[in-house]
Amino acid sequence: RKAQAAKRNGSILIAIDPYRSLSAEKCDQHI
């Protein structure tokens, strides 16, 4: 919920994970 608030505030979300998890799918980039 905090991460989503950050995104609404203009933050860029990047997931670093071997697996494209539910959260990684919703980030701006998945590595």
PDB file of all heavy atoms in Angstrom:
ATOM      1  N   ARG A   1       0.838  -1.208   0.000  1.00  0.00           N
ATOM      2  CA  ARG A   1       0.000   0.000   0.000  1.00  0.00           C
ATOM      3  C   ARG A   1       0.874   1.260   0.000  1.00  0.00           C
ATOM      4  O   ARG A   1       0.565   2.251  -0.677  1.00  0.00           O
ATOM      5  CB  ARG A   1      -0.931  -0.016   1.219  1.00  0.00           C
ATOM      6  CG  ARG A   1      -2.087  -0.991   1.078  1.00  0.00           C
ATOM      7  CD  ARG A   1      -2.727  -1.340   2.415  1.00  0.00           C
ATOM      8  NE  ARG A   1      -3.223  -0.184   3.144  1.00  0.00           N
ATOM      9  CZ  ARG A   1      -4.428   0.350   2.990  1.00  0.00           C
ATOM     10  NH1 ARG A   1      -5.269  -0.172   2.119  1.00  0.00           N
ATOM     11  NH2 ARG A   1      -4.817   1.379   3.713  1.00  0.00           N
ATOM     12  N   LYS A   2       1.969   1.222   0.751  1.00  0.00           N
ATOM     13  CA  LYS A   2       2.911   2.342   0.753  1.00  0.00           C
ATOM     14  C   LYS A   2       3.575   2.493  -0.619  1.00  0.00           C
ATOM     15  O   LYS A   2       3.798   3.605  -1.106  1.00  0.00           O
ATOM     16  CB  LYS A   2       3.974   2.134   1.828  1.00  0.00           C
ATOM     17  CG  LYS A   2       3.504   2.394   3.246  1.00  0.00           C
ATOM     18  CD  LYS A   2       3.410   3.881   3.513  1.00  0.00           C
ATOM     19  CE  LYS A   2       3.146   4.159   4.982  1.00  0.00           C
ATOM     20  NZ  LYS A   2       3.028   5.626   5.243  1.00  0.00           N
ATOM     21  N   ALA A   3       3.920   1.376  -1.237  1.00  0.00           N
ATOM     22  CA  ALA A   3       4.551   1.421  -2.554  1.00  0.00           C
ATOM     23  C   ALA A   3       3.602   2.028  -3.583  1.00  0.00           C
ATOM     24  O   ALA A   3       4.024   2.804  -4.465  1.00  0.00           O
ATOM     25  CB  ALA A   3       4.973   0.025  -2.973  1.00  0.00           C
ATOM     26  N   GLN A   4       2.320   1.665  -3.480  1.00  0.00           N
ATOM     27  CA  GLN A   4       1.344   2.251  -4.397  1.00  0.00           C
ATOM     28  C   GLN A   4       1.177   3.747  -4.155  1.00  0.00           C
ATOM     29  O   GLN A   4       1.001   4.529  -5.100  1.00  0.00           O
ATOM     30  CB  GLN A   4       0.008   1.529  -4.246  1.00  0.00           C
ATOM     31  CG  GLN A   4       0.031   0.081  -4.723  1.00  0.00           C
ATOM     32  CD  GLN A   4       0.409  -0.030  -6.183  1.00  0.00           C
ATOM     33  OE1 GLN A   4      -0.340   0.349  -7.078  1.00  0.00           O
ATOM     34  NE2 GLN A   4       1.609  -0.525  -6.434  1.00  0.00           N
ATOM     35  N   ALA A   5       1.255   4.150  -2.900  1.00  0.00           N
ATOM     36  CA  ALA A   5       1.209   5.584  -2.593  1.00  0.00           C
ATOM     37  C   ALA A   5       2.420   6.295  -3.182  1.00  0.00           C
ATOM     38  O   ALA A   5       2.309   7.410  -3.719  1.00  0.00           O
ATOM     39  CB  ALA A   5       1.145   5.794  -1.079  1.00  0.00           C
ATOM     40  N   ALA A   6       3.583   5.661  -3.088  1.00  0.00           N
ATOM     41  CA  ALA A   6       4.784   6.237  -3.689  1.00  0.00           C
ATOM     42  C   ALA A   6       4.613   6.402  -5.192  1.00  0.00           C
ATOM     43  O   ALA A   6       5.004   7.426  -5.775  1.00  0.00           O
ATOM     44  CB  ALA A   6       5.995   5.351  -3.380  1.00  0.00           C
ATOM     45  N   LYS A   7       4.030   5.404  -5.823  1.00  0.00           N
ATOM     46  CA  LYS A   7       3.811   5.474  -7.273  1.00  0.00           C
ATOM     47  C   LYS A   7       2.881   6.627  -7.628  1.00  0.00           C
ATOM     48  O   LYS A   7       3.104   7.344  -8.603  1.00  0.00           O
ATOM     49  CB  LYS A   7       3.258   4.140  -7.774  1.00  0.00           C
ATOM     50  CG  LYS A   7       3.287   3.976  -9.283  1.00  0.00           C
ATOM     51  CD  LYS A   7       2.940   2.554  -9.688  1.00  0.00           C
ATOM     52  CE  LYS A   7       3.097   2.379 -11.192  1.00  0.00           C
ATOM     53  NZ  LYS A   7       2.805   0.978 -11.606  1.00  0.00           N
ATOM     54  N   ARG A   8       1.838   6.810  -6.832  1.00  0.00           N
ATOM     55  CA  ARG A   8       0.927   7.939  -7.069  1.00  0.00           C
ATOM     56  C   ARG A   8       1.644   9.272  -6.872  1.00  0.00           C
ATOM     57  O   ARG A   8       1.268  10.282  -7.477  1.00  0.00           O
ATOM     58  CB  ARG A   8      -0.288   7.839  -6.145  1.00  0.00           C
ATOM     59  CG  ARG A   8      -1.228   6.691  -6.498  1.00  0.00           C
ATOM     60  CD  ARG A   8      -2.542   6.801  -5.735  1.00  0.00           C
ATOM     61  NE  ARG A   8      -2.371   6.649  -4.297  1.00  0.00           N
ATOM     62  CZ  ARG A   8      -2.415   5.482  -3.654  1.00  0.00           C
ATOM     63  NH1 ARG A   8      -2.593   4.357  -4.342  1.00  0.00           N
ATOM     64  NH2 ARG A   8      -2.272   5.433  -2.341  1.00  0.00           N
ATOM     65  N   ASN A   9       2.671   9.265  -6.025  1.00  0.00           N
ATOM     66  CA  ASN A   9       3.460  10.485  -5.793  1.00  0.00           C
ATOM     67  C   ASN A   9       4.551  10.688  -6.840  1.00  0.00           C
ATOM     68  O   ASN A   9       5.372  11.598  -6.707  1.00  0.00           O
ATOM     69  CB  ASN A   9       4.109  10.433  -4.407  1.00  0.00           C
ATOM     70  CG  ASN A   9       3.090  10.511  -3.280  1.00  0.00           C
ATOM     71  OD1 ASN A   9       1.978  10.995  -3.478  1.00  0.00           O
ATOM     72  ND2 ASN A   9       3.462  10.022  -2.103  1.00  0.00           N
ATOM     73  N   GLY A  10       4.580   9.823  -7.856  1.00  0.00           N
ATOM     74  CA  GLY A  10       5.552   9.991  -8.934  1.00  0.00           C
ATOM     75  C   GLY A  10       6.754   9.093  -8.862  1.00  0.00           C
ATOM     76  O   GLY A  10       7.693   9.226  -9.657  1.00  0.00           O
ATOM     77  N   SER A  11       6.779   8.145  -7.914  1.00  0.00           N
ATOM     78  CA  SER A  11       7.920   7.250  -7.788  1.00  0.00           C
ATOM     79  C   SER A  11       7.945   6.227  -8.924  1.00  0.00           C
ATOM     80  O   SER A  11       6.899   5.820  -9.439  1.00  0.00           O
ATOM     81  CB  SER A  11       7.861   6.500  -6.451  1.00  0.00           C
ATOM     82  OG  SER A  11       8.942   5.598  -6.323  1.00  0.00           O
ATOM     83  N   ILE A  12       9.149   5.829  -9.300  1.00  0.00           N
ATOM     84  CA  ILE A  12       9.357   4.742 -10.252  1.00  0.00           C
ATOM     85  C   ILE A  12       9.611   3.473  -9.451  1.00  0.00           C
ATOM     86  O   ILE A  12      10.521   3.428  -8.615  1.00  0.00           O
ATOM     87  CB  ILE A  12      10.531   5.035 -11.190  1.00  0.00           C
ATOM     88  CG1 ILE A  12      10.228   6.280 -12.041  1.00  0.00           C
ATOM     89  CG2 ILE A  12      10.829   3.838 -12.093  1.00  0.00           C
ATOM     90  CD1 ILE A  12      11.407   6.761 -12.858  1.00  0.00           C
ATOM     91  N   LEU A  13       8.801   2.443  -9.702  1.00  0.00           N
ATOM     92  CA  LEU A  13       8.924   1.176  -8.990  1.00  0.00           C
ATOM     93  C   LEU A  13       9.603   0.151  -9.890  1.00  0.00           C
ATOM     94  O   LEU A  13       9.174  -0.069 -11.028  1.00  0.00           O
ATOM     95  CB  LEU A  13       7.553   0.646  -8.568  1.00  0.00           C
ATOM     96  CG  LEU A  13       7.026   1.061  -7.180  1.00  0.00           C
ATOM     97  CD1 LEU A  13       6.928   2.570  -7.065  1.00  0.00           C
ATOM     98  CD2 LEU A  13       5.685   0.401  -6.896  1.00  0.00           C
ATOM     99  N   ILE A  14      10.662  -0.467  -9.366  1.00  0.00           N
ATOM    100  CA  ILE A  14      11.398  -1.483 -10.110  1.00  0.00           C
ATOM    101  C   ILE A  14      11.498  -2.739  -9.252  1.00  0.00           C
ATOM    102  O   ILE A  14      11.917  -2.673  -8.095  1.00  0.00           O
ATOM    103  CB  ILE A  14      12.799  -0.995 -10.500  1.00  0.00           C
ATOM    104  CG1 ILE A  14      12.689   0.212 -11.431  1.00  0.00           C
ATOM    105  CG2 ILE A  14      13.596  -2.112 -11.173  1.00  0.00           C
ATOM    106  CD1 ILE A  14      14.017   0.829 -11.813  1.00  0.00           C
ATOM    107  N   ALA A  15      11.103  -3.873  -9.820  1.00  0.00           N
ATOM    108  CA  ALA A  15      11.211  -5.157  -9.130  1.00  0.00           C
ATOM    109  C   ALA A  15      12.432  -5.911  -9.649  1.00  0.00           C
ATOM    110  O   ALA A  15      12.622  -6.025 -10.864  1.00  0.00           O
ATOM    111  CB  ALA A  15       9.957  -5.988  -9.351  1.00  0.00           C
ATOM    112  N   ILE A  16      13.250  -6.397  -8.725  1.00  0.00           N
ATOM    113  CA  ILE A  16      14.382  -7.259  -9.057  1.00  0.00           C
ATOM    114  C   ILE A  16      14.075  -8.620  -8.471  1.00  0.00           C
ATOM    115  O   ILE A  16      14.056  -8.799  -7.247  1.00  0.00           O
ATOM    116  CB  ILE A  16      15.701  -6.692  -8.494  1.00  0.00           C
ATOM    117  CG1 ILE A  16      15.966  -5.294  -9.066  1.00  0.00           C
ATOM    118  CG2 ILE A  16      16.857  -7.627  -8.807  1.00  0.00           C
ATOM    119  CD1 ILE A  16      17.175  -4.597  -8.464  1.00  0.00           C
ATOM    120  N   ASP A  17      13.814  -9.589  -9.334  1.00  0.00           N
ATOM    121  CA  ASP A  17      13.321 -10.884  -8.884  1.00  0.00           C
ATOM    122  C   ASP A  17      13.424 -11.864 -10.048  1.00  0.00           C
ATOM    123  O   ASP A  17      13.039 -11.518 -11.161  1.00  0.00           O
ATOM    124  CB  ASP A  17      11.857 -10.750  -8.444  1.00  0.00           C
ATOM    125  CG  ASP A  17      11.355 -11.927  -7.618  1.00  0.00           C
ATOM    126  OD1 ASP A  17      11.711 -13.073  -7.935  1.00  0.00           O
ATOM    127  OD2 ASP A  17      10.590 -11.699  -6.666  1.00  0.00           O
ATOM    128  N   PRO A  18      13.911 -13.085  -9.822  1.00  0.00           N
ATOM    129  CA  PRO A  18      13.938 -14.050 -10.921  1.00  0.00           C
ATOM    130  C   PRO A  18      12.556 -14.358 -11.491  1.00  0.00           C
ATOM    131  O   PRO A  18      12.429 -14.795 -12.633  1.00  0.00           O
ATOM    132  CB  PRO A  18      14.539 -15.308 -10.274  1.00  0.00           C
ATOM    133  CG  PRO A  18      15.273 -14.818  -9.076  1.00  0.00           C
ATOM    134  CD  PRO A  18      14.508 -13.629  -8.596  1.00  0.00           C
ATOM    135  N   TYR A  19      11.526 -14.115 -10.692  1.00  0.00           N
ATOM    136  CA  TYR A  19      10.144 -14.505 -10.991  1.00  0.00           C
ATOM    137  C   TYR A  19       9.287 -13.255 -11.159  1.00  0.00           C
ATOM    138  O   TYR A  19       9.387 -12.315 -10.358  1.00  0.00           O
ATOM    139  CB  TYR A  19       9.649 -15.362  -9.830  1.00  0.00           C
ATOM    140  CG  TYR A  19       8.197 -15.734  -9.799  1.00  0.00           C
ATOM    141  CD1 TYR A  19       7.565 -16.320 -10.886  1.00  0.00           C
ATOM    142  CD2 TYR A  19       7.451 -15.547  -8.631  1.00  0.00           C
ATOM    143  CE1 TYR A  19       6.231 -16.688 -10.823  1.00  0.00           C
ATOM    144  CE2 TYR A  19       6.125 -15.926  -8.547  1.00  0.00           C
ATOM    145  CZ  TYR A  19       5.515 -16.495  -9.651  1.00  0.00           C
ATOM    146  OH  TYR A  19       4.194 -16.869  -9.575  1.00  0.00           O
ATOM    147  N   ARG A  20       8.444 -13.219 -12.203  1.00  0.00           N
ATOM    148  CA  ARG A  20       7.538 -12.083 -12.358  1.00  0.00           C
ATOM    149  C   ARG A  20       6.316 -12.305 -11.466  1.00  0.00           C
ATOM    150  O   ARG A  20       5.286 -12.805 -11.892  1.00  0.00           O
ATOM    151  CB  ARG A  20       7.130 -11.893 -13.826  1.00  0.00           C
ATOM    152  CG  ARG A  20       6.501 -10.515 -14.074  1.00  0.00           C
ATOM    153  CD  ARG A  20       6.319 -10.204 -15.547  1.00  0.00           C
ATOM    154  NE  ARG A  20       5.153 -10.867 -16.116  1.00  0.00           N
ATOM    155  CZ  ARG A  20       5.170 -11.760 -17.086  1.00  0.00           C
ATOM    156  NH1 ARG A  20       6.327 -12.152 -17.595  1.00  0.00           N
ATOM    157  NH2 ARG A  20       4.053 -12.297 -17.550  1.00  0.00           N
ATOM    158  N   SER A  21       6.479 -11.911 -10.232  1.00  0.00           N
ATOM    159  CA  SER A  21       5.453 -12.110  -9.214  1.00  0.00           C
ATOM    160  C   SER A  21       4.290 -11.153  -9.447  1.00  0.00           C
ATOM    161  O   SER A  21       4.324 -10.288 -10.334  1.00  0.00           O
ATOM    162  CB  SER A  21       6.050 -11.857  -7.829  1.00  0.00           C
ATOM    163  OG  SER A  21       6.399 -10.483  -7.705  1.00  0.00           O
ATOM    164  N   LEU A  22       3.257 -11.306  -8.611  1.00  0.00           N
ATOM    165  CA  LEU A  22       2.118 -10.384  -8.691  1.00  0.00           C
ATOM    166  C   LEU A  22       2.562  -8.944  -8.523  1.00  0.00           C
ATOM    167  O   LEU A  22       2.058  -8.035  -9.197  1.00  0.00           O
ATOM    168  CB  LEU A  22       1.095 -10.746  -7.609  1.00  0.00           C
ATOM    169  CG  LEU A  22       0.345 -12.067  -7.778  1.00  0.00           C
ATOM    170  CD1 LEU A  22      -0.442 -12.389  -6.509  1.00  0.00           C
ATOM    171  CD2 LEU A  22      -0.583 -11.995  -8.978  1.00  0.00           C
ATOM    172  N   SER A  23       3.514  -8.717  -7.620  1.00  0.00           N
ATOM    173  CA  SER A  23       4.003  -7.357  -7.392  1.00  0.00           C
ATOM    174  C   SER A  23       4.858  -6.884  -8.560  1.00  0.00           C
ATOM    175  O   SER A  23       4.727  -5.738  -9.013  1.00  0.00           O
ATOM    176  CB  SER A  23       4.810  -7.306  -6.092  1.00  0.00           C
ATOM    177  OG  SER A  23       4.070  -7.799  -5.006  1.00  0.00           O
ATOM    178  N   ALA A  24       5.737  -7.755  -9.059  1.00  0.00           N
ATOM    179  CA  ALA A  24       6.597  -7.376 -10.177  1.00  0.00           C
ATOM    180  C   ALA A  24       5.781  -6.984 -11.397  1.00  0.00           C
ATOM    181  O   ALA A  24       6.148  -6.073 -12.150  1.00  0.00           O
ATOM    182  CB  ALA A  24       7.545  -8.517 -10.515  1.00  0.00           C
ATOM    183  N   GLU A  25       4.657  -7.659 -11.607  1.00  0.00           N
ATOM    184  CA  GLU A  25       3.794  -7.348 -12.746  1.00  0.00           C
ATOM    185  C   GLU A  25       3.275  -5.913 -12.689  1.00  0.00           C
ATOM    186  O   GLU A  25       2.989  -5.316 -13.731  1.00  0.00           O
ATOM    187  CB  GLU A  25       2.607  -8.311 -12.779  1.00  0.00           C
ATOM    188  CG  GLU A  25       2.950  -9.707 -13.233  1.00  0.00           C
ATOM    189  CD  GLU A  25       1.727 -10.585 -13.360  1.00  0.00           C
ATOM    190  OE1 GLU A  25       0.856 -10.534 -12.468  1.00  0.00           O
ATOM    191  OE2 GLU A  25       1.643 -11.324 -14.350  1.00  0.00           O
ATOM    192  N   LYS A  26       3.143  -5.381 -11.486  1.00  0.00           N
ATOM    193  CA  LYS A  26       2.551  -4.054 -11.318  1.00  0.00           C
ATOM    194  C   LYS A  26       3.598  -2.946 -11.179  1.00  0.00           C
ATOM    195  O   LYS A  26       3.240  -1.787 -10.981  1.00  0.00           O
ATOM    196  CB  LYS A  26       1.618  -4.058 -10.100  1.00  0.00           C
ATOM    197  CG  LYS A  26       0.454  -5.037 -10.243  1.00  0.00           C
ATOM    198  CD  LYS A  26      -0.464  -5.020  -9.034  1.00  0.00           C
ATOM    199  CE  LYS A  26      -1.565  -6.071  -9.152  1.00  0.00           C
ATOM    200  NZ  LYS A  26      -2.380  -5.931 -10.364  1.00  0.00           N
ATOM    201  N   CYS A  27       4.882  -3.305 -11.272  1.00  0.00           N
ATOM    202  CA  CYS A  27       5.942  -2.304 -11.203  1.00  0.00           C
ATOM    203  C   CYS A  27       6.210  -1.715 -12.584  1.00  0.00           C
ATOM    204  O   CYS A  27       5.785  -2.250 -13.613  1.00  0.00           O
ATOM    205  CB  CYS A  27       7.222  -2.930 -10.645  1.00  0.00           C
ATOM    206  SG  CYS A  27       7.120  -3.309  -8.875  1.00  0.00           S
ATOM    207  N   ASP A  28       6.936  -0.607 -12.620  1.00  0.00           N
ATOM    208  CA  ASP A  28       7.274   0.030 -13.894  1.00  0.00           C
ATOM    209  C   ASP A  28       8.270  -0.805 -14.691  1.00  0.00           C
ATOM    210  O   ASP A  28       8.286  -0.755 -15.924  1.00  0.00           O
ATOM    211  CB  ASP A  28       7.862   1.425 -13.639  1.00  0.00           C
ATOM    212  CG  ASP A  28       6.853   2.351 -12.994  1.00  0.00           C
ATOM    213  OD1 ASP A  28       5.881   2.725 -13.669  1.00  0.00           O
ATOM    214  OD2 ASP A  28       7.015   2.669 -11.805  1.00  0.00           O
ATOM    215  N   GLN A  29       9.097  -1.587 -13.992  1.00  0.00           N
ATOM    216  CA  GLN A  29      10.067  -2.439 -14.664  1.00  0.00           C
ATOM    217  C   GLN A  29      10.314  -3.671 -13.810  1.00  0.00           C
ATOM    218  O   GLN A  29      10.320  -3.602 -12.581  1.00  0.00           O
ATOM    219  CB  GLN A  29      11.393  -1.699 -14.893  1.00  0.00           C
ATOM    220  CG  GLN A  29      12.441  -2.506 -15.647  1.00  0.00           C
ATOM    221  CD  GLN A  29      13.771  -1.776 -15.773  1.00  0.00           C
ATOM    222  OE1 GLN A  29      13.974  -0.709 -15.198  1.00  0.00           O
ATOM    223  NE2 GLN A  29      14.696  -2.358 -16.525  1.00  0.00           N
ATOM    224  N   HIS A  30      10.521  -4.791 -14.471  1.00  0.00           N
ATOM    225  CA  HIS A  30      10.890  -6.022 -13.789  1.00  0.00           C
ATOM    226  C   HIS A  30      12.217  -6.498 -14.346  1.00  0.00           C
ATOM    227  O   HIS A  30      12.356  -6.694 -15.558  1.00  0.00           O
ATOM    228  CB  HIS A  30       9.821  -7.098 -13.991  1.00  0.00           C
ATOM    229  CG  HIS A  30      10.235  -8.451 -13.494  1.00  0.00           C
ATOM    230  ND1 HIS A  30       9.952  -9.623 -14.162  1.00  0.00           N
ATOM    231  CD2 HIS A  30      10.939  -8.824 -12.381  1.00  0.00           C
ATOM    232  CE1 HIS A  30      10.452 -10.647 -13.498  1.00  0.00           C
ATOM    233  NE2 HIS A  30      11.054 -10.200 -12.415  1.00  0.00           N
ATOM    234  N   ILE A  31      13.198  -6.689 -13.476  1.00  0.00           N
ATOM    235  CA  ILE A  31      14.515  -7.190 -13.862  1.00  0.00           C
ATOM    236  C   ILE A  31      14.612  -8.635 -13.375  1.00  0.00           C
ATOM    237  O   ILE A  31      14.718  -8.895 -12.179  1.00  0.00           O
ATOM    238  CB  ILE A  31      15.638  -6.329 -13.257  1.00  0.00           C
ATOM    239  CG1 ILE A  31      15.526  -4.894 -13.773  1.00  0.00           C
ATOM    240  CG2 ILE A  31      17.007  -6.922 -13.579  1.00  0.00           C
ATOM    241  CD1 ILE A  31      16.497  -3.920 -13.120  1.00  0.00           C
TER     242      ILE A  31
END
